[in-house]
Amino acid sequence: MQAVGIIAEWHPFHNGHAYQIKKAKEQAKADIVVGVMSGNYVQRGEPSMISKWDRAAVALDNGCDLVIELPFWYATQPADYFAKGGVNALAALGCRAISFGVEDDYFVNYEQLAKWMVNHPGEVVAADEAVSHMENLSFAEQRIAAIQHLQKTYPTLAALNIRFQENANTLLAFAYAKVNAELPTPLNMIPIKRIGDNHRLAVVKEEHLLENDQVYTSGSAIRHYLLTKDLKEQENIHTLNKMVPSLMAESLRKANDENRLVSWSDLFPYLRYRLLTGSADELSNIYQMVGGMEHRMIEAIKQVDSFADFVNQVKNRNWSANRIQRTALMVALNIHKKDMQTVLSPGHKQPLMLLGATAKGRAYLKTIKGSLNDTECSWQLVSRVDQASEKNWPMWLKVDRMYEILKPQIGNQNFNHPPIFTK
């Protein structure tokens, strides 16, 4: 059985995701689709709006055959680490191809650049050093500047059509390409051209809603809609049905009715407590805390009443809003640098938590269990969480318990929670 893999958040699962799954399976000529999905916290540094189980169920209902949880310590990282976890997980799961969304029609150029950079590490380091003196650049902007320097320096790269600005999907896909190029047997890369609104769109376009029965818009715009509209009103429910598949709309409405929609507003009191009671020295040990960010955070938390205002107070040219959110998440969850070093170390066995599978997905799992059980494999399939899981990966269980505290009505996220099996 041939499998194509997708690295996803599905936060929430929308029409564009269903389109990607369909196109990925077609273009890869695959028998099944494997989704490696962020759990209850996502890459931008926020809790998932609805639980990993709800999102996995919708993915299975919309063409995905196997849904595996991407470990927290990869899911909440910048692009390079996020890609490293996701691509290596797909490789461990036996995928022969990886599919992803892009804004550009010419992704082969990015693949060529990725392969060149993997094969010329010394030149890449030199380019990073050449742009390190540039002031008022975020980490991502510095990386783009280094790539532009490489293109100006090496004729073989000059002709490549590379354009990262305003292309967030392509930038992440490029991170996948670099990790993929390092694999002993690289996966076949299947880019899917993004349709509909830009990934960064923050608010749903009203004209699209009026003109179309099915709308392809951004996850950010849908989340904004969910947090600002009354989902008990029929008109808003009708609009939601245009943006997401029916089961996702049903799950979101039910979560809203039962007060199970999670956002940073639920986590913000814990962030405030940690910043007001911890010393600057203590906070400096939190993962991703650098350059005196702890002092800026301590001062900001005394002046604001919302998480959005907090991010605006702390961010600057060097620290983007996403960077601040990720670091704030680590503060709220009390994740220390030394703990992250442990779970990200090369010798640390990584969990592949089975969230759900169709009958075809379960049949596929049987074909790859042998390789996953190999002592040389750095990944381990987990179908049921038990005491051994807590001993091996305490951070994973800790952060999910915190998610349960945010909305107790969500229920247990790990122990005694079986995988979702469908036909």
Protein backbone atom coordinates (compact mmCIF):
# COMPACT_ATOMS: atom_id res chain seq x y z
CA MET A 1 0.00 0.00 0.00
CA GLN A 2 1.37 3.41 -0.99
CA ALA A 3 0.90 6.27 1.48
CA VAL A 4 1.10 10.03 1.03
CA GLY A 5 1.64 12.05 4.19
CA ILE A 6 0.40 15.47 5.27
CA ILE A 7 1.71 17.52 8.21
CA ALA A 8 -1.22 19.46 9.60
CA GLU A 9 -2.80 21.42 12.40
CA TRP A 10 -6.39 21.47 11.14
CA HIS A 11 -7.07 24.34 13.54
CA PRO A 12 -9.89 24.08 12.60
CA PHE A 13 -10.26 21.68 9.66
CA HIS A 14 -11.69 23.69 6.75
CA ASN A 15 -12.61 23.32 3.08
CA GLY A 16 -9.04 23.96 1.94
CA HIS A 17 -7.84 21.00 4.02
CA ALA A 18 -10.43 18.68 2.48
CA TYR A 19 -9.34 19.89 -0.97
CA GLN A 20 -5.67 19.23 -0.14
CA ILE A 21 -6.35 15.66 1.03
CA LYS A 22 -8.27 14.87 -2.17
CA LYS A 23 -5.61 16.39 -4.44
CA ALA A 24 -2.71 14.81 -2.51
CA LYS A 25 -4.16 11.32 -2.90
CA GLU A 26 -4.82 11.90 -6.61
CA GLN A 27 -1.45 13.41 -7.48
CA ALA A 28 0.58 10.94 -5.43
CA LYS A 29 -1.49 8.02 -6.77
CA ALA A 30 -1.62 6.83 -3.18
CA ASP A 31 -3.79 4.18 -1.56
CA ILE A 32 -4.06 6.02 1.76
CA VAL A 33 -3.46 9.43 3.30
CA VAL A 34 -1.53 9.70 6.58
CA GLY A 35 -1.98 12.88 8.63
CA VAL A 36 0.59 13.85 11.26
CA MET A 37 -1.32 16.46 13.25
CA SER A 38 -0.45 18.87 16.05
CA GLY A 39 -2.11 17.88 19.31
CA ASN A 40 -3.80 20.29 21.71
CA TYR A 41 -1.28 23.11 21.09
CA VAL A 42 -0.27 24.50 17.71
CA GLN A 43 2.70 26.10 16.02
CA ARG A 44 1.72 29.73 16.51
CA GLY A 45 1.89 29.18 20.26
CA GLU A 46 -1.73 28.78 21.26
CA PRO A 47 -4.06 26.07 22.52
CA SER A 48 -6.10 24.39 19.82
CA MET A 49 -9.64 25.71 19.59
CA ILE A 50 -11.09 22.21 19.80
CA SER A 51 -9.39 19.03 20.96
CA LYS A 52 -7.12 16.79 18.95
CA TRP A 53 -9.81 14.07 19.05
CA ASP A 54 -12.48 16.28 17.50
CA ARG A 55 -10.10 17.39 14.75
CA ALA A 56 -8.92 13.83 14.06
CA ALA A 57 -12.53 12.64 13.67
CA VAL A 58 -13.21 15.33 11.05
CA ALA A 59 -10.02 14.45 9.14
CA LEU A 60 -11.07 10.79 8.99
CA ASP A 61 -14.49 11.88 7.73
CA ASN A 62 -12.85 13.89 4.93
CA GLY A 63 -10.46 11.45 3.30
CA CYS A 64 -7.63 10.93 5.78
CA ASP A 65 -7.02 7.25 6.64
CA LEU A 66 -4.62 7.56 9.56
CA VAL A 67 -4.18 10.41 12.04
CA ILE A 68 -1.10 10.48 14.26
CA GLU A 69 -0.29 13.14 16.85
CA LEU A 70 2.85 15.21 16.29
CA PRO A 71 4.60 15.47 19.69
CA PHE A 72 4.12 18.76 21.53
CA TRP A 73 7.86 19.58 21.45
CA TYR A 74 7.76 19.60 17.63
CA ALA A 75 4.24 20.98 17.17
CA THR A 76 4.95 24.27 18.99
CA GLN A 77 8.22 25.13 17.27
CA PRO A 78 9.38 27.50 14.52
CA ALA A 79 9.30 26.11 10.98
CA ASP A 80 12.63 24.22 11.02
CA TYR A 81 11.89 22.11 14.09
CA PHE A 82 8.21 21.73 13.18
CA ALA A 83 9.30 20.39 9.79
CA LYS A 84 11.94 18.12 11.30
CA GLY A 85 9.41 16.42 13.53
CA GLY A 86 6.70 16.15 10.90
CA VAL A 87 8.81 14.93 7.97
CA ASN A 88 10.71 12.37 10.05
CA ALA A 89 7.44 11.10 11.53
CA LEU A 90 6.00 10.59 8.04
CA ALA A 91 9.16 8.76 6.98
CA ALA A 92 8.95 6.51 10.05
CA LEU A 93 5.32 5.78 9.14
CA GLY A 94 6.41 4.48 5.75
CA CYS A 95 5.10 7.32 3.59
CA ARG A 96 6.59 7.48 0.11
CA ALA A 97 5.38 11.04 -0.54
CA ILE A 98 4.62 14.22 1.36
CA SER A 99 2.01 16.74 0.26
CA PHE A 100 1.72 20.38 1.35
CA GLY A 101 0.11 23.64 0.35
CA VAL A 102 2.01 26.39 -1.46
CA GLU A 103 1.22 29.76 -2.96
CA ASP A 104 3.68 29.36 -5.86
CA ASP A 105 3.39 27.33 -9.07
CA TYR A 106 7.12 26.58 -9.30
CA PHE A 107 8.02 24.75 -6.10
CA VAL A 108 10.71 22.77 -7.93
CA ASN A 109 12.91 25.88 -7.54
CA TYR A 110 12.60 25.67 -3.75
CA GLU A 111 13.41 21.95 -3.83
CA GLN A 112 16.59 22.66 -5.79
CA LEU A 113 17.60 25.37 -3.34
CA ALA A 114 16.94 23.07 -0.39
CA LYS A 115 19.09 20.29 -1.83
CA TRP A 116 21.90 22.74 -2.59
CA MET A 117 21.85 24.12 0.95
CA VAL A 118 21.94 20.64 2.48
CA ASN A 119 24.94 19.77 0.29
CA HIS A 120 26.79 23.05 1.01
CA PRO A 121 26.57 23.59 4.79
CA GLY A 122 29.74 25.68 4.92
CA GLU A 123 28.43 28.15 2.37
CA VAL A 124 25.15 28.42 4.27
CA VAL A 125 26.96 29.22 7.53
CA ALA A 126 28.99 31.88 5.71
CA ALA A 127 25.80 33.45 4.32
CA ASP A 128 24.25 33.52 7.80
CA GLU A 129 27.34 35.29 9.10
CA ALA A 130 27.29 37.75 6.19
CA VAL A 131 23.83 39.01 7.14
CA SER A 132 24.19 38.72 10.93
CA HIS A 133 25.15 42.41 11.18
CA MET A 134 21.83 43.54 9.71
CA GLU A 135 19.78 45.30 12.37
CA ASN A 136 16.07 45.23 13.13
CA LEU A 137 15.45 41.91 11.41
CA SER A 138 13.41 39.07 12.86
CA PHE A 139 14.84 35.55 12.76
CA ALA A 140 12.75 34.70 9.69
CA GLU A 141 13.82 37.88 7.91
CA GLN A 142 17.47 37.08 8.60
CA ARG A 143 17.04 33.62 7.09
CA ILE A 144 15.47 35.13 3.96
CA ALA A 145 18.29 37.68 3.74
CA ALA A 146 20.84 34.84 3.93
CA ILE A 147 19.13 33.02 1.06
CA GLN A 148 19.14 36.21 -1.01
CA HIS A 149 22.87 36.52 -0.27
CA LEU A 150 23.42 32.95 -1.50
CA GLN A 151 21.56 33.69 -4.73
CA LYS A 152 23.69 36.76 -5.37
CA THR A 153 26.89 34.86 -4.63
CA TYR A 154 26.40 31.56 -6.49
CA PRO A 155 25.39 31.59 -10.20
CA THR A 156 23.71 28.17 -9.95
CA LEU A 157 21.19 29.68 -7.54
CA ALA A 158 20.73 33.05 -9.22
CA ALA A 159 18.21 31.79 -11.78
CA LEU A 160 15.95 30.14 -9.21
CA ASN A 161 12.61 31.91 -8.79
CA ILE A 162 12.46 32.23 -5.00
CA ARG A 163 9.87 34.46 -3.33
CA PHE A 164 9.12 34.05 0.36
CA GLN A 165 7.48 37.36 1.24
CA GLU A 166 3.72 36.91 1.86
CA ASN A 167 4.10 33.22 1.04
CA ALA A 168 3.81 31.62 4.48
CA ASN A 169 2.83 28.19 3.14
CA THR A 170 5.73 28.13 0.71
CA LEU A 171 8.16 29.14 3.46
CA LEU A 172 7.02 26.21 5.61
CA ALA A 173 7.12 23.88 2.59
CA PHE A 174 10.73 24.95 2.01
CA ALA A 175 11.51 23.83 5.57
CA TYR A 176 9.97 20.46 4.70
CA ALA A 177 12.14 20.30 1.58
CA LYS A 178 15.35 20.87 3.57
CA VAL A 179 14.52 18.12 6.07
CA ASN A 180 13.42 15.82 3.26
CA ALA A 181 16.72 16.33 1.42
CA GLU A 182 18.56 15.02 4.49
CA LEU A 183 16.63 11.73 4.61
CA PRO A 184 18.46 8.55 3.47
CA THR A 185 15.52 7.99 1.10
CA PRO A 186 13.79 11.32 0.46
CA LEU A 187 10.02 11.41 0.04
CA ASN A 188 8.41 12.44 -3.22
CA MET A 189 7.25 16.04 -2.75
CA ILE A 190 3.67 16.82 -3.85
CA PRO A 191 2.95 20.57 -3.73
CA ILE A 192 -0.72 21.59 -3.88
CA LYS A 193 -1.46 25.12 -5.06
CA ARG A 194 -3.44 26.91 -2.36
CA ILE A 195 -6.86 28.11 -3.48
CA GLY A 196 -9.03 30.81 -1.96
CA ASP A 197 -7.95 33.48 0.50
CA ASN A 198 -4.38 34.14 1.61
CA HIS A 199 -3.10 32.15 4.59
CA ARG A 200 -2.61 35.38 6.56
CA LEU A 201 -6.14 36.72 6.07
CA ALA A 202 -7.41 37.67 9.53
CA VAL A 203 -11.10 38.34 8.85
CA VAL A 204 -13.53 36.53 6.54
CA LYS A 205 -14.38 38.48 3.38
CA GLU A 206 -18.11 39.20 3.48
CA GLU A 207 -18.36 39.40 -0.31
CA HIS A 208 -17.10 35.82 -0.62
CA LEU A 209 -19.76 34.65 1.81
CA LEU A 210 -22.51 36.34 -0.20
CA GLU A 211 -21.30 35.09 -3.58
CA ASN A 212 -20.48 31.44 -2.81
CA ASP A 213 -22.06 28.40 -1.18
CA GLN A 214 -18.60 27.01 -0.38
CA VAL A 215 -15.81 29.35 0.75
CA TYR A 216 -12.08 28.67 0.87
CA THR A 217 -10.65 31.00 3.48
CA SER A 218 -7.87 31.00 6.07
CA GLY A 219 -7.83 29.26 9.42
CA SER A 220 -7.08 32.63 11.06
CA ALA A 221 -10.21 34.19 9.56
CA ILE A 222 -12.35 31.23 10.67
CA ARG A 223 -10.98 31.38 14.22
CA HIS A 224 -11.70 35.11 14.35
CA TYR A 225 -15.24 34.41 13.16
CA LEU A 226 -15.77 31.75 15.82
CA LEU A 227 -14.55 34.01 18.62
CA THR A 228 -16.57 37.04 17.59
CA LYS A 229 -19.91 35.62 16.37
CA ASP A 230 -22.84 34.12 18.23
CA LEU A 231 -23.04 30.55 16.93
CA LYS A 232 -26.56 30.20 18.27
CA GLU A 233 -27.81 32.50 15.52
CA GLN A 234 -28.98 30.64 12.42
CA GLU A 235 -27.35 33.12 10.03
CA ASN A 236 -23.93 32.57 11.61
CA ILE A 237 -24.39 28.80 11.55
CA HIS A 238 -25.23 29.02 7.85
CA THR A 239 -22.03 31.01 7.26
CA LEU A 240 -19.94 28.52 9.22
CA ASN A 241 -21.31 25.70 7.06
CA LYS A 242 -19.89 27.48 4.02
CA MET A 243 -16.36 27.58 5.43
CA VAL A 244 -15.86 24.12 6.97
CA PRO A 245 -17.06 20.55 6.28
CA SER A 246 -20.33 19.54 7.92
CA LEU A 247 -18.81 17.43 10.72
CA MET A 248 -16.40 20.23 11.62
CA ALA A 249 -19.27 22.73 11.73
CA GLU A 250 -21.23 20.35 13.94
CA SER A 251 -18.25 19.84 16.28
CA LEU A 252 -17.64 23.57 16.56
CA ARG A 253 -21.29 24.35 17.25
CA LYS A 254 -21.45 21.64 19.90
CA ALA A 255 -18.20 22.82 21.50
CA ASN A 256 -19.55 26.37 21.56
CA ASP A 257 -22.84 25.26 23.15
CA GLU A 258 -20.96 23.29 25.81
CA ASN A 259 -18.37 26.05 26.42
CA ARG A 260 -15.54 23.86 25.08
CA LEU A 261 -13.99 26.29 22.59
CA VAL A 262 -10.47 27.04 23.84
CA SER A 263 -8.43 30.19 23.22
CA TRP A 264 -5.60 32.18 24.76
CA SER A 265 -8.14 33.97 26.95
CA ASP A 266 -8.46 30.70 28.90
CA LEU A 267 -4.70 30.34 29.29
CA PHE A 268 -3.93 34.01 29.93
CA PRO A 269 -4.55 33.95 33.74
CA TYR A 270 -1.92 31.21 34.07
CA LEU A 271 0.56 33.25 32.04
CA ARG A 272 -0.12 36.27 34.24
CA TYR A 273 0.41 34.21 37.40
CA ARG A 274 3.71 32.79 36.15
CA LEU A 275 5.08 36.19 35.12
CA LEU A 276 3.97 37.96 38.30
CA THR A 277 5.30 35.31 40.70
CA GLY A 278 8.45 34.14 38.94
CA SER A 279 11.75 36.01 39.14
CA ALA A 280 13.55 37.14 36.01
CA ASP A 281 16.26 34.54 36.72
CA GLU A 282 13.68 31.76 36.91
CA LEU A 283 11.95 32.89 33.76
CA SER A 284 15.22 33.07 31.85
CA ASN A 285 15.32 29.25 32.02
CA ILE A 286 12.06 28.92 30.09
CA TYR A 287 12.39 27.46 26.61
CA GLN A 288 12.72 30.08 23.82
CA MET A 289 13.33 32.87 26.34
CA VAL A 290 16.28 34.87 24.94
CA GLY A 291 17.82 38.32 24.92
CA GLY A 292 16.17 39.63 28.05
CA MET A 293 12.64 38.88 26.80
CA GLU A 294 11.67 37.91 30.36
CA HIS A 295 12.13 41.51 31.59
CA ARG A 296 9.96 42.86 28.79
CA MET A 297 7.28 40.27 29.53
CA ILE A 298 7.26 41.01 33.27
CA GLU A 299 6.75 44.71 32.64
CA ALA A 300 4.12 44.15 29.95
CA ILE A 301 1.95 41.83 32.05
CA LYS A 302 1.52 44.58 34.67
CA GLN A 303 0.00 46.92 32.09
CA VAL A 304 -2.40 44.79 30.03
CA ASP A 305 -5.72 43.01 30.45
CA SER A 306 -5.69 40.72 27.42
CA PHE A 307 -3.32 38.39 25.66
CA ALA A 308 -3.54 40.36 22.41
CA ASP A 309 -2.44 43.53 24.21
CA PHE A 310 0.35 41.58 25.91
CA VAL A 311 1.75 40.38 22.56
CA ASN A 312 1.58 43.89 21.12
CA GLN A 313 3.49 45.26 24.13
CA VAL A 314 6.28 42.69 23.94
CA LYS A 315 6.86 42.23 20.21
CA ASN A 316 9.42 44.30 18.35
CA ARG A 317 11.44 44.11 15.14
CA ASN A 318 13.45 41.17 16.43
CA TRP A 319 10.63 39.24 18.10
CA SER A 320 7.59 38.57 15.93
CA ALA A 321 4.09 38.06 17.35
CA ASN A 322 4.35 34.33 16.67
CA ARG A 323 7.67 34.17 18.50
CA ILE A 324 6.17 35.97 21.50
CA GLN A 325 3.15 33.64 21.50
CA ARG A 326 5.32 30.51 21.43
CA THR A 327 7.49 31.77 24.28
CA ALA A 328 4.43 32.84 26.28
CA LEU A 329 3.02 29.34 25.83
CA MET A 330 6.21 27.87 27.26
CA VAL A 331 5.94 30.25 30.23
CA ALA A 332 2.30 29.36 30.92
CA LEU A 333 3.05 25.63 30.69
CA ASN A 334 6.36 25.95 32.59
CA ILE A 335 8.52 24.28 29.92
CA HIS A 336 12.22 24.65 30.71
CA LYS A 337 15.14 24.68 28.28
CA LYS A 338 16.70 21.59 29.83
CA ASP A 339 13.44 19.64 29.45
CA MET A 340 13.26 20.52 25.75
CA GLN A 341 16.91 19.52 25.28
CA THR A 342 16.02 16.10 26.65
CA VAL A 343 13.02 15.40 24.41
CA LEU A 344 14.76 16.79 21.31
CA SER A 345 18.01 14.89 21.85
CA PRO A 346 18.94 12.41 19.08
CA GLY A 347 18.72 9.37 21.35
CA HIS A 348 15.28 10.17 22.72
CA LYS A 349 12.53 7.82 21.48
CA GLN A 350 9.64 9.79 19.97
CA PRO A 351 5.95 8.85 20.41
CA LEU A 352 3.56 8.41 17.50
CA MET A 353 0.18 8.66 19.23
CA LEU A 354 -2.55 6.97 17.20
CA LEU A 355 -5.57 9.28 17.25
CA GLY A 356 -7.67 7.54 14.63
CA ALA A 357 -7.80 5.31 11.57
CA THR A 358 -10.15 4.03 8.91
CA ALA A 359 -10.24 0.32 8.04
CA LYS A 360 -7.66 0.99 5.31
CA GLY A 361 -5.54 2.91 7.78
CA ARG A 362 -5.61 0.02 10.26
CA ALA A 363 -4.64 -2.42 7.50
CA TYR A 364 -1.75 -0.14 6.55
CA LEU A 365 -0.55 0.03 10.16
CA LYS A 366 -0.16 -3.74 10.17
CA THR A 367 2.21 -3.50 7.21
CA ILE A 368 4.56 -1.04 8.94
CA LYS A 369 4.47 -2.30 12.54
CA GLY A 370 7.59 -4.36 11.96
CA SER A 371 9.71 -1.35 11.01
CA LEU A 372 8.29 0.73 13.86
CA ASN A 373 9.12 -2.04 16.35
CA ASP A 374 12.70 -2.19 15.13
CA THR A 375 15.06 -1.23 17.97
CA GLU A 376 16.88 1.09 15.58
CA CYS A 377 13.73 3.12 14.90
CA SER A 378 13.64 6.39 16.84
CA TRP A 379 9.82 6.49 16.80
CA GLN A 380 7.36 4.36 18.76
CA LEU A 381 3.69 3.81 17.95
CA VAL A 382 1.42 4.47 20.94
CA SER A 383 -2.19 3.31 20.63
CA ARG A 384 -3.08 3.58 24.32
CA VAL A 385 -1.57 5.93 26.90
CA ASP A 386 -0.46 4.19 30.08
CA GLN A 387 1.98 4.66 32.97
CA ALA A 388 4.91 3.78 30.71
CA SER A 389 3.90 6.64 28.40
CA GLU A 390 3.95 9.06 31.33
CA LYS A 391 7.36 7.81 32.42
CA ASN A 392 8.84 8.14 28.93
CA TRP A 393 7.19 11.42 27.91
CA PRO A 394 6.06 13.35 31.03
CA MET A 395 5.97 16.70 29.17
CA TRP A 396 3.34 15.41 26.74
CA LEU A 397 1.00 14.27 29.50
CA LYS A 398 1.63 17.42 31.56
CA VAL A 399 0.62 19.86 28.85
CA ASP A 400 -2.50 17.88 27.96
CA ARG A 401 -3.55 17.87 31.62
CA MET A 402 -3.24 21.64 31.51
CA TYR A 403 -5.50 21.68 28.44
CA GLU A 404 -8.06 19.68 30.43
CA ILE A 405 -7.88 22.26 33.25
CA LEU A 406 -8.65 25.11 30.82
CA LYS A 407 -12.01 23.53 29.99
CA PRO A 408 -12.78 20.60 32.34
CA GLN A 409 -15.83 19.70 30.25
CA ILE A 410 -13.50 18.67 27.42
CA GLY A 411 -12.71 15.47 29.29
CA ASN A 412 -9.65 13.24 29.47
CA GLN A 413 -7.28 13.71 26.56
CA ASN A 414 -5.08 10.65 26.98
CA PHE A 415 -5.69 8.02 29.65
CA ASN A 416 -8.62 5.70 28.89
CA HIS A 417 -9.19 7.41 25.55
CA PRO A 418 -9.17 4.82 22.72
CA PRO A 419 -8.27 5.70 19.14
CA ILE A 420 -11.13 6.65 16.82
CA PHE A 421 -11.82 3.76 14.42
CA THR A 422 -14.10 4.23 11.42
CA LYS A 423 -15.01 2.12 8.42
